Amino acid sequence: MKEETVKLTKLNPQIKEFQNHLRSHYDEENKSAKKGQIVFVGSSLMEIFPIEKFQSERNLELSLHIYNRGVRATTTKDVLEHLNTLIFDLSPRKIFMNIGTNDIGFGVSEEESLANYVTILTKIKEKLPETKVYVMKFYPINSVDEFIDPRSGEKGRYSDKRTNENLAEMSDKIGQFAEKLDYAYIDVNNHLSDSIGNLRKELTFDGAHMFPSGYEIVLDNLMPYLK
């Protein structure tokens, strides 16, 4: 079930149209957004993080506002091509980045993915030398339990080229380079996994993407870095 869904997401022109629309929306928001704040950058795993809702409804006691600039079905190449919209137009003081899992799912070579990431981080260092960057360790997935597709009602397990092993391996390689640039590589996944390392079933609707309850856990883990 999921493998077919991922391939269609990569190629579906409706997804591309949605991405373009969302980035255009971000462009408009950036015009009135306050500079020097916090930016979240990534794919759907970041886009559906209800961080702005959490910040408006919960007393997080943060001195900076958080702008979410996640875009679904994006890769490192997509982020590299839209750095102004996603990062530079906001001149953020802090950047939290979770991007690259789609590179694995879409079959982008490790060499290309890492090269893109290196370029992204290098450009940030050159243009925003005082900005703190936090590269987030990839979240775990669950390819063991069955989930029900909310659109079709079809049952299935999460299945594509992503595994917890290759996600962790790629994530650590990205983190090693980030640390060479004096950026932080952070693991905010505490309490997301079950006893054997899979994303807890009750926190996800498809084995990879989380309910708000999962993001509440991530937020708690992120708080020391957000303050």
N, C-alpha and C. Protein backbone atom coordinates (compact mmCIF):
# COMPACT_ATOMS: atom_id res chain seq x y z
N MET A 1 0.82 -1.20 0.00
CA MET A 1 0.00 0.00 0.00
C MET A 1 0.86 1.25 0.00
N LYS A 2 1.78 1.36 0.99
CA LYS A 2 2.52 2.59 1.14
C LYS A 2 3.56 2.82 0.06
N GLU A 3 4.15 1.73 -0.45
CA GLU A 3 5.19 1.92 -1.47
C GLU A 3 4.60 2.59 -2.70
N GLU A 4 3.42 2.17 -3.11
CA GLU A 4 2.77 2.79 -4.26
C GLU A 4 2.44 4.25 -3.96
N THR A 5 1.97 4.52 -2.74
CA THR A 5 1.62 5.88 -2.37
C THR A 5 2.81 6.81 -2.47
N VAL A 6 3.98 6.35 -2.00
CA VAL A 6 5.17 7.18 -2.04
C VAL A 6 5.57 7.50 -3.47
N LYS A 7 5.53 6.52 -4.35
CA LYS A 7 5.91 6.76 -5.75
C LYS A 7 4.97 7.76 -6.41
N LEU A 8 3.67 7.63 -6.12
CA LEU A 8 2.72 8.55 -6.70
C LEU A 8 2.93 9.96 -6.17
N THR A 9 3.26 10.07 -4.86
CA THR A 9 3.49 11.37 -4.28
C THR A 9 4.64 12.08 -4.98
N LYS A 10 5.65 11.34 -5.37
CA LYS A 10 6.81 11.93 -6.03
C LYS A 10 6.44 12.53 -7.37
N LEU A 11 5.54 11.89 -8.10
CA LEU A 11 5.26 12.25 -9.47
C LEU A 11 3.95 13.01 -9.67
N ASN A 12 3.05 12.93 -8.73
CA ASN A 12 1.71 13.48 -8.87
C ASN A 12 1.75 14.99 -9.08
N PRO A 13 1.25 15.48 -10.23
CA PRO A 13 1.27 16.94 -10.48
C PRO A 13 0.45 17.72 -9.47
N GLN A 14 -0.55 17.09 -8.85
CA GLN A 14 -1.34 17.78 -7.83
C GLN A 14 -0.49 18.09 -6.61
N ILE A 15 0.42 17.18 -6.28
CA ILE A 15 1.32 17.43 -5.16
C ILE A 15 2.25 18.59 -5.50
N LYS A 16 2.75 18.59 -6.73
CA LYS A 16 3.63 19.67 -7.18
C LYS A 16 2.89 21.01 -7.12
N GLU A 17 1.64 21.00 -7.54
CA GLU A 17 0.84 22.22 -7.51
C GLU A 17 0.65 22.69 -6.07
N PHE A 18 0.40 21.73 -5.17
CA PHE A 18 0.23 22.08 -3.76
C PHE A 18 1.52 22.68 -3.20
N GLN A 19 2.66 22.07 -3.53
CA GLN A 19 3.94 22.59 -3.06
C GLN A 19 4.14 24.04 -3.51
N ASN A 20 3.88 24.29 -4.78
CA ASN A 20 4.06 25.64 -5.32
C ASN A 20 3.13 26.64 -4.63
N HIS A 21 1.88 26.20 -4.40
CA HIS A 21 0.91 27.06 -3.73
C HIS A 21 1.37 27.36 -2.30
N LEU A 22 1.84 26.34 -1.60
CA LEU A 22 2.26 26.54 -0.22
C LEU A 22 3.48 27.46 -0.14
N ARG A 23 4.44 27.27 -1.05
CA ARG A 23 5.61 28.15 -1.04
C ARG A 23 5.23 29.59 -1.38
N SER A 24 4.26 29.76 -2.28
CA SER A 24 3.77 31.11 -2.59
C SER A 24 3.12 31.74 -1.36
N HIS A 25 2.40 30.92 -0.61
CA HIS A 25 1.79 31.39 0.64
C HIS A 25 2.87 31.81 1.63
N TYR A 26 3.93 31.01 1.73
CA TYR A 26 5.04 31.37 2.61
C TYR A 26 5.70 32.68 2.16
N ASP A 27 5.85 32.86 0.85
CA ASP A 27 6.43 34.10 0.32
C ASP A 27 5.64 35.31 0.81
N GLU A 28 4.31 35.20 0.77
CA GLU A 28 3.46 36.31 1.22
C GLU A 28 3.60 36.52 2.72
N GLU A 29 3.60 35.42 3.48
CA GLU A 29 3.74 35.54 4.92
C GLU A 29 5.09 36.16 5.31
N ASN A 30 6.12 35.81 4.55
CA ASN A 30 7.46 36.31 4.87
C ASN A 30 7.55 37.83 4.80
N LYS A 31 6.71 38.44 3.97
CA LYS A 31 6.76 39.89 3.79
C LYS A 31 6.42 40.63 5.08
N SER A 32 5.56 40.04 5.89
CA SER A 32 5.16 40.71 7.14
C SER A 32 5.69 39.99 8.38
N ALA A 33 6.40 38.89 8.19
CA ALA A 33 6.92 38.13 9.32
C ALA A 33 8.04 38.90 10.01
N LYS A 34 8.15 38.68 11.30
CA LYS A 34 9.20 39.31 12.09
C LYS A 34 10.52 38.60 11.85
N LYS A 35 11.56 39.33 11.56
CA LYS A 35 12.88 38.74 11.32
C LYS A 35 13.54 38.33 12.65
N GLY A 36 14.52 37.45 12.52
CA GLY A 36 15.29 37.07 13.70
C GLY A 36 14.57 36.14 14.65
N GLN A 37 13.67 35.33 14.13
CA GLN A 37 12.92 34.41 14.98
C GLN A 37 13.40 32.97 14.76
N ILE A 38 12.53 32.00 14.96
CA ILE A 38 12.85 30.57 14.79
C ILE A 38 12.13 30.05 13.56
N VAL A 39 12.82 29.25 12.74
CA VAL A 39 12.21 28.65 11.56
C VAL A 39 12.36 27.13 11.61
N PHE A 40 11.26 26.44 11.34
CA PHE A 40 11.26 24.99 11.17
C PHE A 40 11.24 24.69 9.67
N VAL A 41 12.19 23.89 9.20
CA VAL A 41 12.32 23.58 7.78
C VAL A 41 12.32 22.06 7.59
N GLY A 42 11.57 21.59 6.59
CA GLY A 42 11.58 20.16 6.33
C GLY A 42 10.48 19.74 5.38
N SER A 43 10.18 18.47 5.39
CA SER A 43 9.17 17.89 4.50
C SER A 43 7.84 17.81 5.24
N SER A 44 7.00 16.85 4.89
CA SER A 44 5.69 16.72 5.54
C SER A 44 5.83 16.46 7.04
N LEU A 45 6.91 15.79 7.44
CA LEU A 45 7.13 15.52 8.86
C LEU A 45 7.26 16.82 9.64
N MET A 46 7.69 17.88 8.97
CA MET A 46 7.74 19.19 9.60
C MET A 46 6.47 19.98 9.31
N GLU A 47 5.96 19.87 8.10
CA GLU A 47 4.76 20.65 7.73
C GLU A 47 3.60 20.38 8.67
N ILE A 48 3.39 19.10 9.03
CA ILE A 48 2.23 18.77 9.87
C ILE A 48 2.51 18.93 11.36
N PHE A 49 3.72 19.35 11.71
CA PHE A 49 4.05 19.65 13.10
C PHE A 49 3.26 20.90 13.49
N PRO A 50 2.27 20.79 14.37
CA PRO A 50 1.41 21.96 14.68
C PRO A 50 2.08 22.91 15.66
N ILE A 51 3.30 23.29 15.37
CA ILE A 51 4.08 24.06 16.32
C ILE A 51 3.51 25.46 16.52
N GLU A 52 3.00 26.09 15.46
CA GLU A 52 2.45 27.43 15.61
C GLU A 52 1.16 27.38 16.45
N LYS A 53 0.39 26.31 16.28
CA LYS A 53 -0.82 26.12 17.10
C LYS A 53 -0.43 25.89 18.56
N PHE A 54 0.58 25.05 18.78
CA PHE A 54 1.05 24.82 20.14
C PHE A 54 1.49 26.13 20.79
N GLN A 55 2.20 26.95 20.00
CA GLN A 55 2.73 28.18 20.57
C GLN A 55 1.63 29.17 20.91
N SER A 56 0.57 29.18 20.13
CA SER A 56 -0.52 30.13 20.39
C SER A 56 -1.45 29.65 21.50
N GLU A 57 -1.54 28.32 21.69
CA GLU A 57 -2.49 27.79 22.66
C GLU A 57 -1.85 27.39 23.99
N ARG A 58 -0.55 27.17 23.99
CA ARG A 58 0.13 26.76 25.21
C ARG A 58 1.13 27.83 25.63
N ASN A 59 1.32 27.96 26.90
CA ASN A 59 2.27 28.94 27.41
C ASN A 59 3.68 28.34 27.38
N LEU A 60 4.33 28.45 26.23
CA LEU A 60 5.66 27.86 26.07
C LEU A 60 6.76 28.74 26.64
N GLU A 61 6.42 30.00 26.93
CA GLU A 61 7.37 30.94 27.51
C GLU A 61 8.63 31.07 26.66
N LEU A 62 8.42 31.21 25.35
CA LEU A 62 9.54 31.40 24.44
C LEU A 62 9.67 32.88 24.11
N SER A 63 10.90 33.33 23.97
CA SER A 63 11.13 34.74 23.63
C SER A 63 11.03 34.98 22.12
N LEU A 64 11.09 33.91 21.34
CA LEU A 64 11.04 34.01 19.88
C LEU A 64 9.81 33.31 19.33
N HIS A 65 9.32 33.82 18.19
CA HIS A 65 8.19 33.19 17.51
C HIS A 65 8.71 32.11 16.56
N ILE A 66 7.92 31.06 16.39
CA ILE A 66 8.30 29.95 15.51
C ILE A 66 7.48 30.01 14.23
N TYR A 67 8.18 30.02 13.09
CA TYR A 67 7.53 29.94 11.78
C TYR A 67 7.80 28.55 11.20
N ASN A 68 6.75 27.86 10.80
CA ASN A 68 6.88 26.55 10.18
C ASN A 68 6.93 26.70 8.67
N ARG A 69 8.02 26.24 8.06
CA ARG A 69 8.18 26.32 6.61
C ARG A 69 8.36 24.92 6.00
N GLY A 70 7.71 23.94 6.60
CA GLY A 70 7.73 22.59 6.05
C GLY A 70 6.89 22.49 4.79
N VAL A 71 7.31 21.64 3.85
CA VAL A 71 6.58 21.42 2.59
C VAL A 71 6.59 19.92 2.30
N ARG A 72 5.43 19.35 2.16
CA ARG A 72 5.32 17.91 1.98
C ARG A 72 5.99 17.42 0.70
N ALA A 73 6.44 16.16 0.77
CA ALA A 73 7.02 15.45 -0.39
C ALA A 73 8.26 16.13 -0.94
N THR A 74 8.95 16.91 -0.11
CA THR A 74 10.15 17.58 -0.60
C THR A 74 11.42 16.81 -0.22
N THR A 75 12.46 17.09 -0.96
CA THR A 75 13.77 16.47 -0.76
C THR A 75 14.79 17.55 -0.44
N THR A 76 16.02 17.12 -0.21
CA THR A 76 17.10 18.09 0.01
C THR A 76 17.26 19.01 -1.20
N LYS A 77 17.06 18.48 -2.40
CA LYS A 77 17.17 19.29 -3.62
C LYS A 77 16.12 20.40 -3.63
N ASP A 78 14.90 20.07 -3.21
CA ASP A 78 13.83 21.07 -3.17
C ASP A 78 14.18 22.19 -2.19
N VAL A 79 14.67 21.82 -1.02
CA VAL A 79 15.04 22.84 -0.04
C VAL A 79 16.14 23.73 -0.59
N LEU A 80 17.12 23.12 -1.23
CA LEU A 80 18.24 23.87 -1.80
C LEU A 80 17.75 24.88 -2.84
N GLU A 81 16.73 24.52 -3.59
CA GLU A 81 16.21 25.39 -4.64
C GLU A 81 15.32 26.52 -4.11
N HIS A 82 14.91 26.41 -2.84
CA HIS A 82 13.97 27.40 -2.30
C HIS A 82 14.45 27.96 -0.96
N LEU A 83 15.75 28.16 -0.84
CA LEU A 83 16.31 28.63 0.43
C LEU A 83 15.82 30.02 0.82
N ASN A 84 15.58 30.88 -0.15
CA ASN A 84 15.10 32.22 0.17
C ASN A 84 13.74 32.16 0.85
N THR A 85 12.82 31.42 0.26
CA THR A 85 11.47 31.31 0.80
C THR A 85 11.46 30.63 2.16
N LEU A 86 12.22 29.57 2.27
CA LEU A 86 12.17 28.74 3.47
C LEU A 86 13.01 29.27 4.62
N ILE A 87 14.08 30.01 4.29
CA ILE A 87 15.00 30.44 5.35
C ILE A 87 15.42 31.89 5.23
N PHE A 88 16.09 32.24 4.15
CA PHE A 88 16.81 33.51 4.09
C PHE A 88 15.92 34.74 4.19
N ASP A 89 14.71 34.69 3.63
CA ASP A 89 13.82 35.84 3.70
C ASP A 89 13.44 36.18 5.15
N LEU A 90 13.57 35.21 6.05
CA LEU A 90 13.20 35.42 7.44
C LEU A 90 14.39 35.77 8.33
N SER A 91 15.61 35.63 7.82
CA SER A 91 16.82 35.91 8.60
C SER A 91 16.70 35.37 10.03
N PRO A 92 16.43 34.09 10.18
CA PRO A 92 16.13 33.55 11.51
C PRO A 92 17.35 33.52 12.43
N ARG A 93 17.06 33.57 13.72
CA ARG A 93 18.11 33.43 14.72
C ARG A 93 18.42 31.94 14.96
N LYS A 94 17.38 31.11 14.82
CA LYS A 94 17.54 29.67 14.98
C LYS A 94 16.81 28.94 13.86
N ILE A 95 17.41 27.86 13.38
CA ILE A 95 16.80 27.01 12.35
C ILE A 95 16.77 25.57 12.85
N PHE A 96 15.61 24.95 12.77
CA PHE A 96 15.48 23.52 13.08
C PHE A 96 15.13 22.81 11.78
N MET A 97 15.96 21.84 11.41
CA MET A 97 15.86 21.24 10.09
C MET A 97 15.67 19.72 10.19
N ASN A 98 14.64 19.23 9.51
CA ASN A 98 14.40 17.79 9.40
C ASN A 98 14.04 17.49 7.95
N ILE A 99 15.05 17.21 7.15
CA ILE A 99 14.85 16.97 5.72
C ILE A 99 15.79 15.86 5.27
N GLY A 100 15.33 15.04 4.34
CA GLY A 100 16.18 13.99 3.81
C GLY A 100 15.56 12.61 3.80
N THR A 101 14.49 12.42 4.56
CA THR A 101 13.88 11.09 4.57
C THR A 101 13.24 10.76 3.21
N ASN A 102 12.69 11.78 2.54
CA ASN A 102 12.12 11.53 1.21
C ASN A 102 13.20 11.20 0.19
N ASP A 103 14.42 11.70 0.40
CA ASP A 103 15.52 11.32 -0.49
C ASP A 103 15.67 9.80 -0.50
N ILE A 104 15.61 9.20 0.69
CA ILE A 104 15.72 7.75 0.78
C ILE A 104 14.50 7.09 0.15
N GLY A 105 13.31 7.57 0.49
CA GLY A 105 12.08 6.97 -0.03
C GLY A 105 11.95 7.08 -1.53
N PHE A 106 12.46 8.18 -2.11
CA PHE A 106 12.34 8.40 -3.54
C PHE A 106 13.52 7.84 -4.33
N GLY A 107 14.47 7.23 -3.64
CA GLY A 107 15.59 6.61 -4.33
C GLY A 107 16.70 7.54 -4.74
N VAL A 108 16.78 8.72 -4.11
CA VAL A 108 17.91 9.61 -4.37
C VAL A 108 19.16 8.96 -3.79
N SER A 109 20.26 9.02 -4.52
CA SER A 109 21.48 8.38 -4.04
C SER A 109 21.97 9.06 -2.76
N GLU A 110 22.62 8.28 -1.93
CA GLU A 110 23.18 8.83 -0.70
C GLU A 110 24.18 9.93 -1.01
N GLU A 111 24.97 9.74 -2.04
CA GLU A 111 25.96 10.73 -2.42
C GLU A 111 25.31 12.07 -2.76
N GLU A 112 24.24 12.02 -3.57
CA GLU A 112 23.56 13.26 -3.95
C GLU A 112 22.88 13.92 -2.76
N SER A 113 22.24 13.11 -1.94
CA SER A 113 21.54 13.64 -0.78
C SER A 113 22.49 14.34 0.18
N LEU A 114 23.61 13.69 0.47
CA LEU A 114 24.59 14.28 1.38
C LEU A 114 25.21 15.54 0.78
N ALA A 115 25.47 15.51 -0.53
CA ALA A 115 26.04 16.69 -1.20
C ALA A 115 25.08 17.87 -1.10
N ASN A 116 23.77 17.61 -1.30
CA ASN A 116 22.78 18.68 -1.18
C ASN A 116 22.75 19.25 0.23
N TYR A 117 22.81 18.35 1.19
CA TYR A 117 22.77 18.79 2.59
C TYR A 117 24.00 19.64 2.92
N VAL A 118 25.15 19.20 2.46
CA VAL A 118 26.38 19.97 2.67
C VAL A 118 26.24 21.37 2.09
N THR A 119 25.68 21.46 0.88
CA THR A 119 25.51 22.76 0.23
C THR A 119 24.53 23.63 1.00
N ILE A 120 23.43 23.05 1.46
CA ILE A 120 22.44 23.80 2.24
C ILE A 120 23.09 24.41 3.48
N LEU A 121 23.78 23.58 4.24
CA LEU A 121 24.38 24.05 5.49
C LEU A 121 25.50 25.06 5.24
N THR A 122 26.26 24.83 4.18
CA THR A 122 27.34 25.76 3.84
C THR A 122 26.79 27.13 3.45
N LYS A 123 25.71 27.14 2.66
CA LYS A 123 25.09 28.41 2.27
C LYS A 123 24.53 29.15 3.47
N ILE A 124 23.95 28.41 4.42
CA ILE A 124 23.45 29.05 5.63
C ILE A 124 24.61 29.67 6.41
N LYS A 125 25.69 28.94 6.54
CA LYS A 125 26.86 29.44 7.27
C LYS A 125 27.40 30.72 6.62
N GLU A 126 27.40 30.76 5.28
CA GLU A 126 27.92 31.92 4.57
C GLU A 126 26.99 33.13 4.69
N LYS A 127 25.69 32.90 4.58
CA LYS A 127 24.74 34.02 4.56
C LYS A 127 24.27 34.43 5.95
N LEU A 128 24.19 33.47 6.86
CA LEU A 128 23.70 33.75 8.21
C LEU A 128 24.70 33.20 9.23
N PRO A 129 25.88 33.79 9.31
CA PRO A 129 26.94 33.22 10.14
C PRO A 129 26.63 33.18 11.63
N GLU A 130 25.72 34.05 12.09
CA GLU A 130 25.39 34.08 13.52
C GLU A 130 24.20 33.20 13.88
N THR A 131 23.56 32.63 12.88
CA THR A 131 22.37 31.81 13.13
C THR A 131 22.73 30.44 13.67
N LYS A 132 21.98 30.00 14.67
CA LYS A 132 22.17 28.66 15.21
C LYS A 132 21.32 27.68 14.40
N VAL A 133 21.95 26.58 14.00
CA VAL A 133 21.24 25.56 13.23
C VAL A 133 21.21 24.27 14.03
N TYR A 134 20.03 23.68 14.09
CA TYR A 134 19.84 22.41 14.79
C TYR A 134 19.36 21.38 13.78
N VAL A 135 20.22 20.45 13.45
CA VAL A 135 19.86 19.36 12.54
C VAL A 135 19.25 18.24 13.37
N MET A 136 18.01 17.90 13.06
CA MET A 136 17.28 16.93 13.87
C MET A 136 17.50 15.50 13.36
N LYS A 137 17.77 14.62 14.29
CA LYS A 137 17.86 13.20 13.95
C LYS A 137 16.52 12.75 13.41
N PHE A 138 16.52 11.94 12.35
CA PHE A 138 15.26 11.51 11.75
C PHE A 138 14.41 10.74 12.75
N TYR A 139 13.10 10.95 12.66
CA TYR A 139 12.17 10.21 13.52
C TYR A 139 12.18 8.72 13.14
N PRO A 140 11.86 7.84 14.09
CA PRO A 140 11.70 6.43 13.75
C PRO A 140 10.42 6.21 12.94
N ILE A 141 10.33 5.08 12.28
CA ILE A 141 9.11 4.70 11.56
C ILE A 141 8.60 3.38 12.14
N ASN A 142 7.41 2.98 11.69
CA ASN A 142 6.82 1.71 12.10
C ASN A 142 6.36 0.97 10.85
N SER A 143 7.10 -0.06 10.47
CA SER A 143 6.74 -0.86 9.30
C SER A 143 6.25 -2.24 9.73
N VAL A 144 5.92 -2.38 11.00
CA VAL A 144 5.50 -3.67 11.57
C VAL A 144 3.98 -3.75 11.73
N ASP A 145 3.39 -2.71 12.28
CA ASP A 145 1.95 -2.71 12.54
C ASP A 145 1.15 -2.32 11.30
N GLU A 146 -0.11 -2.73 11.27
CA GLU A 146 -1.00 -2.37 10.17
C GLU A 146 -1.70 -1.05 10.47
N PHE A 147 -1.89 -0.25 9.40
CA PHE A 147 -2.61 1.01 9.52
C PHE A 147 -3.67 1.06 8.43
N ILE A 148 -4.67 1.91 8.63
CA ILE A 148 -5.76 2.04 7.66
C ILE A 148 -5.64 3.37 6.94
N ASP A 149 -5.54 3.32 5.62
CA ASP A 149 -5.47 4.53 4.81
C ASP A 149 -6.79 5.30 4.97
N PRO A 150 -6.77 6.55 5.48
CA PRO A 150 -8.02 7.28 5.73
C PRO A 150 -8.78 7.61 4.46
N ARG A 151 -8.11 7.58 3.30
CA ARG A 151 -8.80 7.90 2.05
C ARG A 151 -9.50 6.69 1.45
N SER A 152 -8.81 5.56 1.44
CA SER A 152 -9.36 4.38 0.77
C SER A 152 -9.90 3.33 1.73
N GLY A 153 -9.51 3.43 3.00
CA GLY A 153 -9.91 2.39 3.95
C GLY A 153 -9.07 1.13 3.84
N GLU A 154 -8.06 1.18 2.96
CA GLU A 154 -7.20 0.02 2.73
C GLU A 154 -6.25 -0.18 3.91
N LYS A 155 -6.08 -1.44 4.29
CA LYS A 155 -5.14 -1.77 5.36
C LYS A 155 -3.78 -2.10 4.77
N GLY A 156 -2.74 -1.76 5.50
CA GLY A 156 -1.40 -2.10 5.03
C GLY A 156 -0.35 -1.64 6.01
N ARG A 157 0.88 -2.01 5.73
CA ARG A 157 2.02 -1.60 6.54
C ARG A 157 2.86 -0.59 5.77
N TYR A 158 3.52 0.27 6.51
CA TYR A 158 4.40 1.24 5.86
C TYR A 158 5.52 0.49 5.17
N SER A 159 5.67 0.74 3.86
CA SER A 159 6.65 -0.03 3.09
C SER A 159 7.21 0.80 1.95
N ASP A 160 8.43 1.25 2.07
CA ASP A 160 9.19 1.79 0.96
C ASP A 160 10.66 1.57 1.27
N LYS A 161 11.54 2.38 0.75
CA LYS A 161 12.97 2.14 0.93
C LYS A 161 13.48 2.59 2.29
N ARG A 162 12.63 3.22 3.06
CA ARG A 162 13.02 3.68 4.39
C ARG A 162 12.94 2.55 5.41
N THR A 163 13.98 2.41 6.21
CA THR A 163 13.97 1.53 7.37
C THR A 163 14.55 2.33 8.54
N ASN A 164 14.30 1.87 9.73
CA ASN A 164 14.89 2.57 10.88
C ASN A 164 16.41 2.55 10.82
N GLU A 165 16.95 1.47 10.24
CA GLU A 165 18.40 1.36 10.16
C GLU A 165 18.99 2.37 9.18
N ASN A 166 18.42 2.45 7.96
CA ASN A 166 19.04 3.38 7.01
C ASN A 166 18.69 4.84 7.32
N LEU A 167 17.57 5.07 7.99
CA LEU A 167 17.28 6.43 8.43
C LEU A 167 18.30 6.89 9.47
N ALA A 168 18.60 6.02 10.42
CA ALA A 168 19.57 6.38 11.46
C ALA A 168 20.96 6.57 10.87
N GLU A 169 21.32 5.71 9.92
CA GLU A 169 22.65 5.80 9.30
C GLU A 169 22.81 7.11 8.53
N MET A 170 21.83 7.44 7.71
CA MET A 170 21.89 8.68 6.93
C MET A 170 21.86 9.89 7.85
N SER A 171 20.99 9.84 8.84
CA SER A 171 20.86 10.95 9.77
C SER A 171 22.18 11.23 10.48
N ASP A 172 22.85 10.18 10.91
CA ASP A 172 24.12 10.36 11.62
C ASP A 172 25.21 10.93 10.71
N LYS A 173 25.20 10.56 9.44
CA LYS A 173 26.18 11.11 8.51
C LYS A 173 25.95 12.61 8.31
N ILE A 174 24.68 12.99 8.20
CA ILE A 174 24.35 14.42 8.09
C ILE A 174 24.78 15.15 9.36
N GLY A 175 24.50 14.53 10.50
CA GLY A 175 24.86 15.14 11.77
C GLY A 175 26.35 15.36 11.93
N GLN A 176 27.15 14.44 11.43
CA GLN A 176 28.60 14.57 11.53
C GLN A 176 29.09 15.79 10.77
N PHE A 177 28.52 16.03 9.59
CA PHE A 177 28.93 17.21 8.85
C PHE A 177 28.43 18.48 9.52
N ALA A 178 27.20 18.44 10.03
CA ALA A 178 26.66 19.61 10.72
C ALA A 178 27.57 20.03 11.86
N GLU A 179 28.06 19.06 12.61
CA GLU A 179 28.92 19.37 13.75
C GLU A 179 30.26 19.95 13.31
N LYS A 180 30.72 19.61 12.11
CA LYS A 180 31.95 20.20 11.59
C LYS A 180 31.80 21.70 11.36
N LEU A 181 30.57 22.13 11.12
CA LEU A 181 30.28 23.55 10.92
C LEU A 181 29.86 24.22 12.23
N ASP A 182 30.03 23.49 13.33
CA ASP A 182 29.63 23.99 14.65
C ASP A 182 28.13 24.14 14.78
N TYR A 183 27.39 23.34 14.04
CA TYR A 183 25.95 23.26 14.21
C TYR A 183 25.62 22.07 15.11
N ALA A 184 24.45 22.12 15.71
CA ALA A 184 24.06 21.07 16.65
C ALA A 184 23.31 19.95 15.92
N TYR A 185 23.64 18.73 16.27
CA TYR A 185 22.90 17.56 15.79
C TYR A 185 22.14 17.04 17.00
N ILE A 186 20.81 17.13 16.96
CA ILE A 186 20.02 16.84 18.15
C ILE A 186 19.08 15.65 17.94
N ASP A 187 18.93 14.88 18.98
CA ASP A 187 18.01 13.74 19.00
C ASP A 187 16.85 14.10 19.91
N VAL A 188 15.68 14.36 19.29
CA VAL A 188 14.48 14.72 20.06
C VAL A 188 13.43 13.63 19.98
N ASN A 189 13.91 12.39 19.85
CA ASN A 189 13.02 11.26 19.64
C ASN A 189 12.71 10.47 20.91
N ASN A 190 13.16 10.96 22.05
CA ASN A 190 12.92 10.23 23.30
C ASN A 190 11.42 10.01 23.51
N HIS A 191 11.05 8.77 23.80
CA HIS A 191 9.67 8.33 24.07
C HIS A 191 8.82 8.17 22.81
N LEU A 192 9.42 8.29 21.61
CA LEU A 192 8.65 8.03 20.38
C LEU A 192 8.64 6.55 20.00
N SER A 193 9.65 5.81 20.43
CA SER A 193 9.81 4.42 19.99
C SER A 193 9.26 3.44 21.02
N ASP A 194 8.86 2.27 20.51
CA ASP A 194 8.46 1.18 21.40
C ASP A 194 9.71 0.42 21.87
N SER A 195 9.51 -0.71 22.49
CA SER A 195 10.63 -1.44 23.10
C SER A 195 11.61 -2.01 22.09
N ILE A 196 11.20 -2.13 20.82
CA ILE A 196 12.11 -2.67 19.81
C ILE A 196 12.51 -1.62 18.76
N GLY A 197 12.24 -0.35 19.06
CA GLY A 197 12.74 0.73 18.22
C GLY A 197 11.81 1.24 17.15
N ASN A 198 10.60 0.72 17.06
CA ASN A 198 9.65 1.22 16.07
C ASN A 198 8.86 2.40 16.62
N LEU A 199 8.44 3.30 15.74
CA LEU A 199 7.56 4.39 16.13
C LEU A 199 6.32 3.81 16.78
N ARG A 200 5.97 4.27 17.95
CA ARG A 200 4.83 3.72 18.68
C ARG A 200 3.55 3.83 17.86
N LYS A 201 2.83 2.73 17.78
CA LYS A 201 1.66 2.65 16.90
C LYS A 201 0.63 3.73 17.21
N GLU A 202 0.43 4.03 18.49
CA GLU A 202 -0.62 4.97 18.87
C GLU A 202 -0.26 6.42 18.51
N LEU A 203 0.99 6.66 18.11
CA LEU A 203 1.42 8.01 17.78
C LEU A 203 1.36 8.32 16.29
N THR A 204 1.07 7.33 15.45
CA THR A 204 1.14 7.53 14.00
C THR A 204 -0.09 7.00 13.29
N PHE A 205 -0.46 7.65 12.19
CA PHE A 205 -1.62 7.21 11.43
C PHE A 205 -1.25 6.38 10.20
N ASP A 206 0.05 6.31 9.87
CA ASP A 206 0.44 5.52 8.70
C ASP A 206 1.80 4.83 8.86
N GLY A 207 2.41 4.96 10.03
CA GLY A 207 3.70 4.33 10.26
C GLY A 207 4.86 5.30 10.18
N ALA A 208 4.62 6.51 9.68
CA ALA A 208 5.68 7.51 9.56
C ALA A 208 5.24 8.88 10.04
N HIS A 209 4.05 9.30 9.66
CA HIS A 209 3.55 10.63 10.03
C HIS A 209 2.79 10.54 11.34
N MET A 210 3.03 11.51 12.21
CA MET A 210 2.51 11.43 13.57
C MET A 210 1.25 12.26 13.79
N PHE A 211 0.46 11.79 14.75
CA PHE A 211 -0.65 12.57 15.29
C PHE A 211 -0.07 13.73 16.13
N PRO A 212 -0.88 14.72 16.47
CA PRO A 212 -0.40 15.78 17.37
C PRO A 212 0.18 15.24 18.68
N SER A 213 -0.33 14.12 19.15
CA SER A 213 0.20 13.54 20.39
C SER A 213 1.67 13.18 20.26
N GLY A 214 2.09 12.76 19.07
CA GLY A 214 3.50 12.47 18.84
C GLY A 214 4.32 13.75 18.84
N TYR A 215 3.76 14.80 18.24
CA TYR A 215 4.49 16.07 18.18
C TYR A 215 4.55 16.76 19.55
N GLU A 216 3.60 16.46 20.42
CA GLU A 216 3.69 16.98 21.78
C GLU A 216 4.93 16.41 22.48
N ILE A 217 5.22 15.15 22.21
CA ILE A 217 6.42 14.53 22.77
C ILE A 217 7.67 15.19 22.19
N VAL A 218 7.67 15.38 20.87
CA VAL A 218 8.80 16.03 20.21
C VAL A 218 9.00 17.43 20.77
N LEU A 219 7.91 18.16 20.95
CA LEU A 219 8.02 19.52 21.48
C LEU A 219 8.66 19.53 22.86
N ASP A 220 8.24 18.60 23.72
CA ASP A 220 8.83 18.52 25.05
C ASP A 220 10.34 18.30 24.95
N ASN A 221 10.75 17.45 24.01
CA ASN A 221 12.17 17.18 23.83
C ASN A 221 12.92 18.37 23.22
N LEU A 222 12.20 19.18 22.45
CA LEU A 222 12.80 20.33 21.79
C LEU A 222 12.96 21.54 22.71
N MET A 223 12.19 21.62 23.76
CA MET A 223 12.12 22.83 24.57
C MET A 223 13.48 23.37 25.02
N PRO A 224 14.42 22.52 25.44
CA PRO A 224 15.72 23.09 25.85
C PRO A 224 16.44 23.85 24.74
N TYR A 225 16.14 23.50 23.48
CA TYR A 225 16.81 24.15 22.35
C TYR A 225 16.04 25.38 21.88
N LEU A 226 14.73 25.40 22.13
CA LEU A 226 13.90 26.51 21.68
C LEU A 226 14.04 27.74 22.57
N LYS A 227 14.38 27.52 23.83
CA LYS A 227 14.45 28.64 24.77
C LYS A 227 15.74 29.43 24.59
